[in-house]
Amino acid sequence: MKLSTEQQWRAWLTQQARRIVHCQDDAEDVVQDTLLAYWKRFGSLPWDECADDAQLQRKCAWCCQKLRALALDLCRRAHRRYETLILNDDVRGGGEQLAVADIQDTLLQQVALHEFLASLPMSLQRVAKLCSDGYSYVEIAEQLNVQVDTVKRYMARIRLLGQAFFGGSDTNRVGKVYENKRD
């Protein structure tokens, strides 16, 4: 491997970074940060000094290690963007609490519910949508121009399909959205 010019070093570092981060913009950022870290650590850039093979290998190893560390930091920063910090106003300890697990659970439930609704026939989708919007069985029957008993049968069918879709008899996911709204 021959790395003696800035272009060769940048091309090699970018190639290594692309293997790690899979995005050209992120790879370029990681390469730039690696070169900056190299400058801070050694007071020069990798291509500034002529190096024998052993020294070149040490430079390459150091740069690869730094690339991996910076790429990992980049991934962690991206992951933290999706975390929500809830500040506790407790006077005694104050502290922070991560609410990521709750948010992930909620998002997964919403995705599953959306997939369930999409799997329903159109007639049941309309009833489910109206029910989730807060309409009572009577109001749904009026809007769809059907009997209240028909709406009740539709809702029973939705619950039954929900049990099959979500696996088991636990209808909490469906039940929370489609509570009995009788008048």
C-alpha atoms as a PDB file:
ATOM      1  CA  MET A   1       0.000   0.000   0.000  1.00  0.00           C
ATOM      2  CA  LYS A   2       1.416   3.347  -1.031  1.00  0.00           C
ATOM      3  CA  LEU A   3       0.132   6.357   0.875  1.00  0.00           C
ATOM      4  CA  SER A   4       2.352   9.364   0.432  1.00  0.00           C
ATOM      5  CA  THR A   5       0.101  12.209  -0.688  1.00  0.00           C
ATOM      6  CA  GLU A   6      -2.878  13.924   0.869  1.00  0.00           C
ATOM      7  CA  GLN A   7      -5.191  12.671  -1.884  1.00  0.00           C
ATOM      8  CA  GLN A   8      -4.068   9.067  -1.383  1.00  0.00           C
ATOM      9  CA  TRP A   9      -4.546   9.283   2.385  1.00  0.00           C
ATOM     10  CA  ARG A  10      -7.961  10.928   2.067  1.00  0.00           C
ATOM     11  CA  ALA A  11      -9.098   8.373  -0.522  1.00  0.00           C
ATOM     12  CA  TRP A  12      -7.929   5.472   1.657  1.00  0.00           C
ATOM     13  CA  LEU A  13      -9.454   6.935   4.834  1.00  0.00           C
ATOM     14  CA  THR A  14     -12.750   7.642   3.039  1.00  0.00           C
ATOM     15  CA  GLN A  15     -12.826   4.064   1.758  1.00  0.00           C
ATOM     16  CA  GLN A  16     -12.285   2.756   5.293  1.00  0.00           C
ATOM     17  CA  ALA A  17     -14.900   5.136   6.721  1.00  0.00           C
ATOM     18  CA  ARG A  18     -17.495   4.154   4.089  1.00  0.00           C
ATOM     19  CA  ARG A  19     -17.185   0.539   5.207  1.00  0.00           C
ATOM     20  CA  ILE A  20     -18.155   1.614   8.697  1.00  0.00           C
ATOM     21  CA  VAL A  21     -20.778   4.356   8.290  1.00  0.00           C
ATOM     22  CA  HIS A  22     -22.249   3.543   4.840  1.00  0.00           C
ATOM     23  CA  CYS A  23     -22.930   7.211   4.054  1.00  0.00           C
ATOM     24  CA  GLN A  24     -20.613   9.426   2.007  1.00  0.00           C
ATOM     25  CA  ASP A  25     -21.311  12.608   3.989  1.00  0.00           C
ATOM     26  CA  ASP A  26     -20.781  10.883   7.321  1.00  0.00           C
ATOM     27  CA  ALA A  27     -17.642   9.202   5.980  1.00  0.00           C
ATOM     28  CA  GLU A  28     -16.189  12.554   4.958  1.00  0.00           C
ATOM     29  CA  ASP A  29     -16.982  13.994   8.384  1.00  0.00           C
ATOM     30  CA  VAL A  30     -15.332  11.064  10.136  1.00  0.00           C
ATOM     31  CA  VAL A  31     -12.251  11.349   7.900  1.00  0.00           C
ATOM     32  CA  GLN A  32     -11.946  15.064   8.662  1.00  0.00           C
ATOM     33  CA  ASP A  33     -12.317  14.412  12.400  1.00  0.00           C
ATOM     34  CA  THR A  34      -9.710  11.646  12.185  1.00  0.00           C
ATOM     35  CA  LEU A  35      -7.216  13.940  10.471  1.00  0.00           C
ATOM     36  CA  LEU A  36      -7.877  16.642  13.059  1.00  0.00           C
ATOM     37  CA  ALA A  37      -7.318  14.139  15.872  1.00  0.00           C
ATOM     38  CA  TYR A  38      -4.098  12.989  14.182  1.00  0.00           C
ATOM     39  CA  TRP A  39      -2.912  16.605  13.977  1.00  0.00           C
ATOM     40  CA  LYS A  40      -3.710  17.204  17.646  1.00  0.00           C
ATOM     41  CA  ARG A  41      -1.995  13.981  18.716  1.00  0.00           C
ATOM     42  CA  PHE A  42       1.151  14.063  16.567  1.00  0.00           C
ATOM     43  CA  GLY A  43       1.485  17.686  15.464  1.00  0.00           C
ATOM     44  CA  SER A  44       1.527  16.739  11.802  1.00  0.00           C
ATOM     45  CA  LEU A  45      -0.632  14.953   9.231  1.00  0.00           C
ATOM     46  CA  PRO A  46      -0.013  11.378   8.097  1.00  0.00           C
ATOM     47  CA  TRP A  47       1.319  12.394   4.686  1.00  0.00           C
ATOM     48  CA  ASP A  48       3.695  15.096   6.026  1.00  0.00           C
ATOM     49  CA  GLU A  49       6.526  12.747   6.891  1.00  0.00           C
ATOM     50  CA  CYS A  50       8.132  10.107   4.733  1.00  0.00           C
ATOM     51  CA  ALA A  51       7.659   6.825   6.455  1.00  0.00           C
ATOM     52  CA  ASP A  52       9.080   3.358   6.179  1.00  0.00           C
ATOM     53  CA  ASP A  53       6.682   0.419   5.939  1.00  0.00           C
ATOM     54  CA  ALA A  54       6.543  -0.161   9.710  1.00  0.00           C
ATOM     55  CA  GLN A  55       5.784   3.494  10.439  1.00  0.00           C
ATOM     56  CA  LEU A  56       3.191   3.573   7.638  1.00  0.00           C
ATOM     57  CA  GLN A  57       1.466   0.534   9.152  1.00  0.00           C
ATOM     58  CA  ARG A  58       1.389   2.209  12.573  1.00  0.00           C
ATOM     59  CA  LYS A  59      -0.108   5.364  11.039  1.00  0.00           C
ATOM     60  CA  CYS A  60      -2.717   3.316   9.192  1.00  0.00           C
ATOM     61  CA  ALA A  61      -3.567   1.308  12.313  1.00  0.00           C
ATOM     62  CA  TRP A  62      -3.906   4.480  14.411  1.00  0.00           C
ATOM     63  CA  CYS A  63      -6.112   6.127  11.775  1.00  0.00           C
ATOM     64  CA  CYS A  64      -8.324   3.032  11.439  1.00  0.00           C
ATOM     65  CA  GLN A  65      -8.746   2.798  15.183  1.00  0.00           C
ATOM     66  CA  LYS A  66      -9.640   6.486  15.380  1.00  0.00           C
ATOM     67  CA  LEU A  67     -12.048   6.137  12.435  1.00  0.00           C
ATOM     68  CA  ARG A  68     -13.881   3.305  14.187  1.00  0.00           C
ATOM     69  CA  ALA A  69     -14.116   5.244  17.440  1.00  0.00           C
ATOM     70  CA  LEU A  70     -15.401   8.375  15.715  1.00  0.00           C
ATOM     71  CA  ALA A  71     -17.878   6.379  13.614  1.00  0.00           C
ATOM     72  CA  LEU A  72     -19.183   4.724  16.774  1.00  0.00           C
ATOM     73  CA  ASP A  73     -19.565   8.153  18.393  1.00  0.00           C
ATOM     74  CA  LEU A  74     -21.447   9.337  15.311  1.00  0.00           C
ATOM     75  CA  CYS A  75     -23.841   6.388  15.565  1.00  0.00           C
ATOM     76  CA  ARG A  76     -24.352   7.018  19.273  1.00  0.00           C
ATOM     77  CA  ARG A  77     -25.112  10.691  18.649  1.00  0.00           C
ATOM     78  CA  ALA A  78     -27.650   9.726  15.992  1.00  0.00           C
ATOM     79  CA  HIS A  79     -29.254   7.265  18.405  1.00  0.00           C
ATOM     80  CA  ARG A  80     -29.408   9.857  21.183  1.00  0.00           C
ATOM     81  CA  ARG A  81     -31.429  12.170  18.962  1.00  0.00           C
ATOM     82  CA  TYR A  82     -34.310   9.738  19.381  1.00  0.00           C
ATOM     83  CA  GLU A  83     -33.999   9.590  23.131  1.00  0.00           C
ATOM     84  CA  THR A  84     -36.146  11.892  25.196  1.00  0.00           C
ATOM     85  CA  LEU A  85     -34.940  13.235  28.469  1.00  0.00           C
ATOM     86  CA  ILE A  86     -37.529  13.934  31.072  1.00  0.00           C
ATOM     87  CA  LEU A  87     -36.242  16.339  33.632  1.00  0.00           C
ATOM     88  CA  ASN A  88     -37.314  15.581  37.134  1.00  0.00           C
ATOM     89  CA  ASP A  89     -38.097  18.759  39.065  1.00  0.00           C
ATOM     90  CA  ASP A  90     -37.595  17.041  42.389  1.00  0.00           C
ATOM     91  CA  VAL A  91     -35.839  19.520  44.688  1.00  0.00           C
ATOM     92  CA  ARG A  92     -33.839  16.822  46.500  1.00  0.00           C
ATOM     93  CA  GLY A  93     -32.107  14.930  43.752  1.00  0.00           C
ATOM     94  CA  GLY A  94     -33.189  16.500  40.541  1.00  0.00           C
ATOM     95  CA  GLY A  95     -31.803  13.975  38.025  1.00  0.00           C
ATOM     96  CA  GLU A  96     -32.759  12.853  34.594  1.00  0.00           C
ATOM     97  CA  GLN A  97     -34.702   9.845  33.516  1.00  0.00           C
ATOM     98  CA  LEU A  98     -34.704   8.281  30.085  1.00  0.00           C
ATOM     99  CA  ALA A  99     -38.109   7.568  28.658  1.00  0.00           C
ATOM    100  CA  VAL A 100     -36.851   5.706  25.604  1.00  0.00           C
ATOM    101  CA  ALA A 101     -38.401   2.352  26.493  1.00  0.00           C
ATOM    102  CA  ASP A 102     -41.854   3.882  26.896  1.00  0.00           C
ATOM    103  CA  ILE A 103     -41.556   5.759  23.616  1.00  0.00           C
ATOM    104  CA  GLN A 104     -40.361   2.661  21.771  1.00  0.00           C
ATOM    105  CA  ASP A 105     -43.230   0.604  23.206  1.00  0.00           C
ATOM    106  CA  THR A 106     -45.724   3.268  22.199  1.00  0.00           C
ATOM    107  CA  LEU A 107     -44.296   3.526  18.692  1.00  0.00           C
ATOM    108  CA  LEU A 108     -44.300  -0.257  18.259  1.00  0.00           C
ATOM    109  CA  GLN A 109     -47.917  -0.423  19.424  1.00  0.00           C
ATOM    110  CA  GLN A 110     -48.896   2.344  17.007  1.00  0.00           C
ATOM    111  CA  VAL A 111     -47.157   0.585  14.117  1.00  0.00           C
ATOM    112  CA  ALA A 112     -48.799  -2.724  14.999  1.00  0.00           C
ATOM    113  CA  LEU A 113     -52.202  -1.058  15.308  1.00  0.00           C
ATOM    114  CA  HIS A 114     -51.722   0.685  11.961  1.00  0.00           C
ATOM    115  CA  GLU A 115     -50.813  -2.643  10.326  1.00  0.00           C
ATOM    116  CA  PHE A 116     -53.858  -4.251  11.937  1.00  0.00           C
ATOM    117  CA  LEU A 117     -56.176  -1.521  10.677  1.00  0.00           C
ATOM    118  CA  ALA A 118     -54.724  -1.792   7.172  1.00  0.00           C
ATOM    119  CA  SER A 119     -55.469  -5.526   7.191  1.00  0.00           C
ATOM    120  CA  LEU A 120     -59.177  -4.968   7.895  1.00  0.00           C
ATOM    121  CA  PRO A 121     -61.822  -4.860   5.157  1.00  0.00           C
ATOM    122  CA  MET A 122     -62.850  -1.302   4.204  1.00  0.00           C
ATOM    123  CA  SER A 123     -66.215  -1.521   5.968  1.00  0.00           C
ATOM    124  CA  LEU A 124     -64.534  -2.463   9.244  1.00  0.00           C
ATOM    125  CA  GLN A 125     -61.810   0.155   8.725  1.00  0.00           C
ATOM    126  CA  ARG A 126     -64.454   2.892   8.570  1.00  0.00           C
ATOM    127  CA  VAL A 127     -66.091   1.679  11.784  1.00  0.00           C
ATOM    128  CA  ALA A 128     -62.726   1.333  13.538  1.00  0.00           C
ATOM    129  CA  LYS A 129     -61.675   4.823  12.422  1.00  0.00           C
ATOM    130  CA  LEU A 130     -64.886   6.422  13.649  1.00  0.00           C
ATOM    131  CA  CYS A 131     -64.668   4.550  16.945  1.00  0.00           C
ATOM    132  CA  SER A 132     -61.044   5.594  17.468  1.00  0.00           C
ATOM    133  CA  ASP A 133     -62.072   9.190  16.730  1.00  0.00           C
ATOM    134  CA  GLY A 134     -64.386   9.005  19.742  1.00  0.00           C
ATOM    135  CA  TYR A 135     -67.769   8.479  18.142  1.00  0.00           C
ATOM    136  CA  SER A 136     -70.330   6.390  20.012  1.00  0.00           C
ATOM    137  CA  TYR A 137     -72.002   3.359  18.474  1.00  0.00           C
ATOM    138  CA  VAL A 138     -75.173   5.411  17.856  1.00  0.00           C
ATOM    139  CA  GLU A 139     -73.211   8.161  16.102  1.00  0.00           C
ATOM    140  CA  ILE A 140     -71.340   5.623  13.989  1.00  0.00           C
ATOM    141  CA  ALA A 141     -74.615   3.945  13.020  1.00  0.00           C
ATOM    142  CA  GLU A 142     -76.058   7.315  11.979  1.00  0.00           C
ATOM    143  CA  GLN A 143     -73.009   8.239   9.905  1.00  0.00           C
ATOM    144  CA  LEU A 144     -72.869   4.882   8.134  1.00  0.00           C
ATOM    145  CA  ASN A 145     -76.665   4.648   7.836  1.00  0.00           C
ATOM    146  CA  VAL A 146     -76.791   1.228   9.529  1.00  0.00           C
ATOM    147  CA  GLN A 147     -78.395  -0.144  12.694  1.00  0.00           C
ATOM    148  CA  VAL A 148     -76.628   0.150  16.071  1.00  0.00           C
ATOM    149  CA  ASP A 149     -76.657  -3.659  16.302  1.00  0.00           C
ATOM    150  CA  THR A 150     -74.708  -3.763  13.019  1.00  0.00           C
ATOM    151  CA  VAL A 151     -72.062  -1.461  14.513  1.00  0.00           C
ATOM    152  CA  LYS A 152     -71.894  -3.722  17.581  1.00  0.00           C
ATOM    153  CA  ARG A 153     -71.360  -6.772  15.338  1.00  0.00           C
ATOM    154  CA  TYR A 154     -68.675  -4.896  13.403  1.00  0.00           C
ATOM    155  CA  MET A 155     -66.903  -4.017  16.644  1.00  0.00           C
ATOM    156  CA  ALA A 156     -67.121  -7.611  17.868  1.00  0.00           C
ATOM    157  CA  ARG A 157     -65.608  -8.705  14.536  1.00  0.00           C
ATOM    158  CA  ILE A 158     -62.827  -6.094  14.872  1.00  0.00           C
ATOM    159  CA  ARG A 159     -62.003  -7.378  18.373  1.00  0.00           C
ATOM    160  CA  LEU A 160     -61.988 -10.976  17.129  1.00  0.00           C
ATOM    161  CA  LEU A 161     -59.694 -10.108  14.226  1.00  0.00           C
ATOM    162  CA  GLY A 162     -57.526  -8.126  16.649  1.00  0.00           C
ATOM    163  CA  GLN A 163     -57.128 -11.189  18.844  1.00  0.00           C
ATOM    164  CA  ALA A 164     -56.042 -13.225  15.840  1.00  0.00           C
ATOM    165  CA  PHE A 165     -53.738 -10.483  14.537  1.00  0.00           C
ATOM    166  CA  PHE A 166     -52.009  -9.756  17.842  1.00  0.00           C
ATOM    167  CA  GLY A 167     -51.925 -13.407  18.822  1.00  0.00           C
ATOM    168  CA  GLY A 168     -53.850 -14.617  21.841  1.00  0.00           C
ATOM    169  CA  SER A 169     -56.830 -13.410  23.752  1.00  0.00           C
ATOM    170  CA  ASP A 170     -55.178 -10.229  25.031  1.00  0.00           C
ATOM    171  CA  THR A 171     -57.155  -7.443  23.417  1.00  0.00           C
ATOM    172  CA  ASN A 172     -55.568  -4.619  25.395  1.00  0.00           C
ATOM    173  CA  ARG A 173     -54.018  -3.071  22.305  1.00  0.00           C
ATOM    174  CA  VAL A 174     -57.287  -3.102  20.410  1.00  0.00           C
ATOM    175  CA  GLY A 175     -59.439  -2.513  23.458  1.00  0.00           C
ATOM    176  CA  LYS A 176     -57.644   0.662  24.469  1.00  0.00           C
ATOM    177  CA  VAL A 177     -58.454   2.242  21.143  1.00  0.00           C
ATOM    178  CA  TYR A 178     -61.893   0.731  20.644  1.00  0.00           C
ATOM    179  CA  GLU A 179     -63.525   0.872  24.018  1.00  0.00           C
ATOM    180  CA  ASN A 180     -67.273   0.314  24.168  1.00  0.00           C
ATOM    181  CA  LYS A 181     -68.854   3.634  23.338  1.00  0.00           C
ATOM    182  CA  ARG A 182     -72.508   2.908  23.878  1.00  0.00           C
ATOM    183  CA  ASP A 183     -75.187   5.530  24.363  1.00  0.00           C
END
